[in-house]
């Protein structure tokens, strides 16, 4: 398999493994592979594979067992795994940019307020780092990926497993399928709105969160926002 080198490498690896698990019909406990084997197979670094495995574990798709006889195994299936299976069907080309973004837009409020309420110090540090990456990438081709990374990291804080799974699956799909589409203009106002998402979490400020959500939705009629 050719080496994956773009910025969405972890998402691509997670998607490939998830596709394989679903298409092969592997049951709970099926051995997927050892970390070294998977790194060699996909041509990625340990950190990239770890991130991919973390994405799959967060959605209840795989378990990681350490030590001799350990490795990556298919997790016990849950309703949320079935939800992931249904979202995989979107990759057959039936989803549109507009439909995906409308669903994400509708969920942004719940996702951000959950993050404001529940973020740990580690979450806040990660979200702040995503915001700094976005600021540095704003005028470059990397801006869309940085935007999605910020949204996804905020969503990972939510204690609502269904909300978290639905949101992160849709973001992963958009990144992996290259459905960025026509995004809102990369204006300084738009950048400020996204930075305020992170700032609201940092300050645990629900009022700032609500303001940022309102500004984030505003361009939806004229353009398709991220």
Protein backbone atom coordinates (compact mmCIF):
# COMPACT_ATOMS: atom_id res chain seq x y z
CA UNK A 1 0.00 0.00 0.00
CA UNK A 2 1.43 3.45 -0.86
CA UNK A 3 2.44 5.67 2.03
CA UNK A 4 -0.18 8.15 3.20
CA UNK A 5 1.47 11.53 3.60
CA UNK A 6 -1.24 14.21 3.74
CA UNK A 7 -2.49 15.98 6.84
CA UNK A 8 -5.55 13.72 7.14
CA UNK A 9 -3.37 10.58 7.41
CA UNK A 10 -4.80 9.37 10.72
CA UNK A 11 -8.36 9.82 9.47
CA UNK A 12 -7.53 7.91 6.28
CA UNK A 13 -5.99 5.02 8.22
CA UNK A 14 -9.00 4.91 10.56
CA UNK A 15 -11.36 4.94 7.61
CA UNK A 16 -9.47 2.14 5.82
CA UNK A 17 -9.52 -0.08 8.91
CA UNK A 18 -13.18 0.66 9.59
CA UNK A 19 -14.10 -0.11 5.97
CA UNK A 20 -12.22 -3.40 6.19
CA UNK A 21 -13.88 -4.42 9.47
CA UNK A 22 -17.34 -3.70 8.07
CA UNK A 23 -16.82 -5.15 4.59
CA UNK A 24 -15.25 -8.36 5.93
CA UNK A 25 -17.95 -8.73 8.57
CA UNK A 26 -15.42 -9.31 11.35
CA UNK A 27 -17.02 -10.09 14.70
CA UNK A 28 -16.04 -8.87 18.16
CA UNK A 29 -12.61 -10.13 19.19
CA UNK A 30 -11.30 -10.58 15.64
CA UNK A 31 -7.59 -9.79 15.46
CA UNK A 32 -6.97 -6.75 13.23
CA UNK A 33 -3.20 -6.58 13.59
CA UNK A 34 -0.27 -5.53 15.73
CA UNK A 35 0.82 -1.91 15.77
CA UNK A 36 4.12 -2.58 13.99
CA UNK A 37 2.32 -4.54 11.28
CA UNK A 38 -0.25 -1.80 10.76
CA UNK A 39 2.41 0.92 10.63
CA UNK A 40 4.25 -1.02 7.94
CA UNK A 41 1.05 -1.74 6.05
CA UNK A 42 -0.06 1.89 5.87
CA UNK A 43 3.41 3.44 5.80
CA UNK A 44 2.74 5.79 8.72
CA UNK A 45 4.58 6.84 11.87
CA UNK A 46 3.69 5.51 15.35
CA UNK A 47 1.99 8.78 16.33
CA UNK A 48 -0.22 8.70 13.23
CA UNK A 49 -1.28 5.11 13.85
CA UNK A 50 -1.96 5.86 17.53
CA UNK A 51 -4.22 8.74 16.52
CA UNK A 52 -6.07 6.51 14.05
CA UNK A 53 -6.57 3.82 16.70
CA UNK A 54 -7.77 6.46 19.16
CA UNK A 55 -10.38 7.62 16.64
CA UNK A 56 -11.63 4.06 16.22
CA UNK A 57 -11.62 3.35 19.96
CA UNK A 58 -13.60 6.53 20.63
CA UNK A 59 -16.31 5.21 18.31
CA UNK A 60 -16.30 1.73 19.85
CA UNK A 61 -14.95 0.03 16.73
CA UNK A 62 -11.69 -1.47 18.05
CA UNK A 63 -9.98 -2.32 21.32
CA UNK A 64 -6.22 -2.10 21.88
CA UNK A 65 -4.66 -4.76 24.12
CA UNK A 66 -1.06 -4.34 25.35
CA UNK A 67 1.58 -6.95 26.06
CA UNK A 68 2.32 -10.39 24.58
CA UNK A 69 -0.58 -11.60 22.51
CA UNK A 70 -1.88 -8.06 22.35
CA UNK A 71 -2.68 -5.87 19.40
CA UNK A 72 -5.74 -4.31 17.82
CA UNK A 73 -9.01 -6.26 17.97
CA UNK A 74 -12.57 -5.63 16.82
CA UNK A 75 -14.56 -4.28 19.77
CA UNK A 76 -17.88 -5.61 20.99
CA UNK A 77 -20.49 -4.04 18.77
CA UNK A 78 -22.88 -1.46 20.17
CA UNK A 79 -25.65 0.71 18.73
CA UNK A 80 -22.99 3.35 18.11
CA UNK A 81 -20.99 0.94 15.99
CA UNK A 82 -24.10 0.33 13.92
CA UNK A 83 -24.40 4.10 13.55
CA UNK A 84 -20.85 4.17 12.20
CA UNK A 85 -21.77 1.42 9.74
CA UNK A 86 -24.66 3.50 8.47
CA UNK A 87 -22.43 6.53 8.10
CA UNK A 88 -20.03 4.42 6.06
CA UNK A 89 -22.77 4.11 3.46
CA UNK A 90 -22.47 7.85 2.88
CA UNK A 91 -19.10 7.16 1.31
CA UNK A 92 -20.81 5.48 -1.60
CA UNK A 93 -21.42 8.97 -2.94
CA UNK A 94 -24.96 9.62 -1.77
CA UNK A 95 -24.11 12.47 0.59
CA UNK A 96 -23.70 16.07 -0.49
CA UNK A 97 -21.59 18.81 0.99
CA UNK A 98 -24.67 20.84 1.81
CA UNK A 99 -26.43 17.99 3.63
CA UNK A 100 -23.39 17.13 5.75
CA UNK A 101 -22.74 20.74 6.69
CA UNK A 102 -26.38 21.42 7.55
CA UNK A 103 -26.35 18.52 10.01
CA UNK A 104 -23.06 19.64 11.56
CA UNK A 105 -24.32 23.22 11.76
CA UNK A 106 -27.39 22.04 13.66
CA UNK A 107 -25.21 20.14 16.15
CA UNK A 108 -22.58 22.84 16.74
CA UNK A 109 -24.46 24.48 19.60
CA UNK A 110 -24.82 21.31 21.66
CA UNK A 111 -21.24 20.27 20.90
CA UNK A 112 -19.70 23.60 21.92
CA UNK A 113 -21.77 24.03 25.09
CA UNK A 114 -20.85 20.47 26.12
CA UNK A 115 -17.18 21.36 25.66
CA UNK A 116 -17.53 24.58 27.68
CA UNK A 117 -19.14 22.60 30.49
CA UNK A 118 -16.97 19.47 30.50
CA UNK A 119 -13.50 20.22 29.08
CA UNK A 120 -10.56 18.99 31.14
CA UNK A 121 -7.23 20.82 31.32
CA UNK A 122 -5.89 18.41 28.69
CA UNK A 123 -8.88 19.09 26.43
CA UNK A 124 -8.38 22.84 26.79
CA UNK A 125 -4.68 22.54 25.95
CA UNK A 126 -5.45 20.47 22.83
CA UNK A 127 -8.22 22.82 21.68
CA UNK A 128 -5.97 25.84 22.20
CA UNK A 129 -3.27 24.14 20.13
CA UNK A 130 -5.81 23.48 17.35
CA UNK A 131 -6.76 27.17 17.43
CA UNK A 132 -3.11 28.22 17.09
CA UNK A 133 -2.67 25.83 14.17
CA UNK A 134 -5.76 27.29 12.52
CA UNK A 135 -4.50 30.84 12.99
CA UNK A 136 -1.17 29.95 11.37
CA UNK A 137 -2.85 28.12 8.47
CA UNK A 138 -5.67 30.59 7.81
CA UNK A 139 -4.36 32.02 4.53
CA UNK A 140 -3.09 28.67 3.22
CA UNK A 141 -4.50 25.55 1.59
CA UNK A 142 -4.31 23.86 5.01
CA UNK A 143 -7.06 26.07 6.48
CA UNK A 144 -9.99 23.67 5.79
CA UNK A 145 -8.20 20.76 7.46
CA UNK A 146 -7.31 22.96 10.44
CA UNK A 147 -10.93 24.10 10.76
CA UNK A 148 -12.22 20.53 10.81
CA UNK A 149 -9.53 19.50 13.30
CA UNK A 150 -10.70 22.23 15.69
CA UNK A 151 -14.36 21.25 15.34
CA UNK A 152 -13.58 17.55 15.81
CA UNK A 153 -11.44 18.12 18.91
CA UNK A 154 -14.17 20.21 20.51
CA UNK A 155 -16.72 17.48 19.76
CA UNK A 156 -14.55 14.82 21.40
CA UNK A 157 -15.18 16.49 24.78
CA UNK A 158 -18.92 15.83 24.76
CA UNK A 159 -20.05 13.23 27.32
CA UNK A 160 -23.02 12.49 25.04
CA UNK A 161 -21.77 9.41 23.18
CA UNK A 162 -24.41 9.61 20.46
CA UNK A 163 -23.75 13.29 19.77
CA UNK A 164 -19.98 12.78 19.84
CA UNK A 165 -20.12 9.75 17.54
CA UNK A 166 -22.44 11.36 14.99
CA UNK A 167 -20.49 14.62 14.86
CA UNK A 168 -17.00 13.13 14.65
CA UNK A 169 -18.08 10.54 12.07
CA UNK A 170 -19.45 13.27 9.82
CA UNK A 171 -16.29 15.36 10.20
CA UNK A 172 -14.12 12.31 9.44
CA UNK A 173 -16.24 11.62 6.37
CA UNK A 174 -15.93 15.17 5.08
CA UNK A 175 -12.14 15.17 5.52
CA UNK A 176 -11.57 11.70 4.07
CA UNK A 177 -13.95 12.17 1.15
CA UNK A 178 -12.62 15.63 0.36
CA UNK A 179 -16.06 17.20 0.66
CA UNK A 180 -14.89 20.60 1.86
CA UNK A 181 -16.81 22.04 -1.08
CA UNK A 182 -17.53 25.76 -1.20
CA UNK A 183 -16.66 27.05 2.24
CA UNK A 184 -17.34 30.46 3.68
CA UNK A 185 -14.76 33.13 2.78
CA UNK A 186 -11.56 33.01 4.82
CA UNK A 187 -12.08 36.47 6.26
CA UNK A 188 -10.62 37.72 9.51
CA UNK A 189 -14.14 37.81 10.94
CA UNK A 190 -14.56 34.13 10.11
CA UNK A 191 -11.22 33.34 11.74
CA UNK A 192 -12.26 35.28 14.86
CA UNK A 193 -15.46 33.24 15.05
CA UNK A 194 -13.54 29.95 15.06
CA UNK A 195 -10.99 31.25 17.55
CA UNK A 196 -13.89 32.25 19.80
CA UNK A 197 -15.04 28.62 19.79
CA UNK A 198 -11.73 27.74 21.42
CA UNK A 199 -11.77 30.84 23.64
CA UNK A 200 -15.23 29.97 24.95
CA UNK A 201 -13.97 26.54 26.04
CA UNK A 202 -10.83 28.04 27.60
CA UNK A 203 -12.85 30.59 29.61
CA UNK A 204 -15.82 28.25 30.20
CA UNK A 205 -17.95 31.06 28.81
CA UNK A 206 -21.39 29.95 27.59
CA UNK A 207 -22.29 33.49 26.51
CA UNK A 208 -19.24 33.71 24.22
CA UNK A 209 -20.06 30.22 22.93
CA UNK A 210 -23.58 31.31 21.99
CA UNK A 211 -22.25 34.42 20.25
CA UNK A 212 -19.72 32.37 18.26
CA UNK A 213 -22.38 29.83 17.25
CA UNK A 214 -24.66 32.63 16.03
CA UNK A 215 -21.86 34.17 13.95
CA UNK A 216 -20.84 30.75 12.65
CA UNK A 217 -24.35 30.07 11.32
CA UNK A 218 -24.87 33.49 9.75
CA UNK A 219 -23.07 32.83 6.42
CA UNK A 220 -24.97 29.57 5.86
CA UNK A 221 -27.46 31.07 3.43
CA UNK A 222 -24.91 32.77 1.19
CA UNK A 223 -22.17 30.17 1.40
CA UNK A 224 -21.60 26.72 2.81
CA UNK A 225 -19.66 27.22 6.01
CA UNK A 226 -17.29 24.83 7.66
